[in-house]
Amino acid sequence: MFIINLVKKAIGFFKNLFGNK
């Protein structure tokens, strides 16, 4: 189930990007 982990990591990464703007 590491795919779900990657997805969660990607979501958090994008959230960080948009949150910084």
Protein backbone atom coordinates (compact mmCIF):
# COMPACT_ATOMS: atom_id res chain seq x y z
CA MET A 1 0.00 0.00 0.00
CA PHE A 2 2.97 2.31 -0.56
CA ILE A 3 1.11 3.86 -3.49
CA ILE A 4 -1.39 5.45 -1.10
CA ASN A 5 1.56 6.77 0.90
CA LEU A 6 3.01 8.36 -2.24
CA VAL A 7 -0.35 9.93 -3.07
CA LYS A 8 -0.67 11.35 0.44
CA LYS A 9 2.87 12.69 0.20
CA ALA A 10 2.13 14.30 -3.18
CA ILE A 11 -1.07 15.89 -1.84
CA GLY A 12 0.82 17.32 1.13
CA PHE A 13 3.56 18.57 -1.20
CA PHE A 14 1.09 20.39 -3.45
CA LYS A 15 -0.80 21.74 -0.43
CA ASN A 16 2.50 23.17 0.80
CA LEU A 17 3.19 24.75 -2.59
CA PHE A 18 -0.21 26.42 -2.81
CA GLY A 19 -0.11 27.34 0.89
CA ASN A 20 3.19 29.18 0.42
CA LYS A 21 1.79 31.33 -2.40
